[in-house]
Structure formats: structure tokens, C-alpha cells
Amino acid sequence: MSLIAILALAFAMAADAFAVSVSHGARLKVMRWGEATRIAIVFGAMQGLMPLIGWYLGRAAAVWVETWGRYIAFALLAFVALKMLKEARSVGEEDTLGGKDGRISNMELLVAGIATSLDALAAGVGLAFVDLSIGQTASIIAICTFVLSLLGVWLGRQIGTLVGKGAEYAGAAILLVLAVSFLLR
């Protein structure tokens, strides 16, 4: 597999994490690079780890991931989106998802990280039958996801500044569309 093909795969795997990062960035009251980095690290690590797991599971897991992975991703992303909608509707200062500054909880971040990386697990299963260095490929996917997630949080924060509370609704809508897209795959 060529480097260009691996980079294309990395960007494809990072697309979901980027979209979720934008929606989380829109929830931040103030841009906090520490929070953006935390999100990017979790998404990058999950996206880099899942192809390795898929690689080792091989063909046996392919049928299960292809059958159930999209439903699991749908459920996880829909759960996060519905919690975001509940938060957007809340009147008080206190967010239901991680505090008044818009910081997301560790559990929510983990759920989103797993949901957005299930396709990387499936890709890893397929990569088991291709001549490549899985360690190098997984590292490229992780780095690409980290960078795009960091950019996504920043971009989401900029959008959040422009549209205010509506950004939370938009972020939840993005997650719901993404969740439904898993069902349509």
C-alpha cells in the first residue's frame, strides 16, 4: 500500500472524529487548548488503536464488525447527541455534560472516541490482508486524527462564537446525522 493510499485512509478514518470535534468545540464557552488537546489525544489514540485491534482479530471479527459495528456506532453517537440536546435545552448555567464551561466529561469523550473509531476497527481487519506495516499505518491514522480533531475543536469554537446557543443544537444535529449515516452504510 502506497503512502498516498495510507494518507487517504487516514483522512477518511479521521472524518468522523473531525465532525464530532467541531460539535464539541462549539460547546466550549472559551477556547481552551488543553481541552482541545485532550479531545484530540483521545480521538487520535482510539483511531490509532482500533486498526491494530482489527489487524489482530483478522477475518473472524470482520463478519461481526460489519454486522454490528454500525449499530453500535449509531447508538453511541445518538446517545451523545441526545445528551447534547438536553444540555442545549437546559436553562441554568450548569451543563449536564461536563460543567459550565462546556468541557466534556471523560465518559462522553470515551463513548464518542469509540463510536467514531469503529470504522477504523473494520479497516484494520481488512488491512490484515494487505502487505503493509500496521504499526506505521496506525500511527499515521492516529496523527492525522489528532491534527484534524484539534483543528475541529478550534473551528467548532469559532462557529460557536458566531451562533451562540444554536451551536449546541447544530452540534447535536451533526452527531445525529453522523449516527444515522452509520445505519445507512
Foldseek 3Di string as FASTA:
>chain_A
DDPVVLLVVLVVLLPLLLLLLLLLLLQFPDDDLVLLLVLLQLLLVLQLVLLVLLLVVAPVCLVVLVVCVLVLLLVLLLVLLVLLVVQLPDDDQAGPADGNRSRGDPVNSNSSSNSSRSVSNNVSNVCNPPPDDSNVSSNSSSVSNSVSSSVSSVNSNVVSVVPPSVSSVVSSVSSNVVSVVSVVD
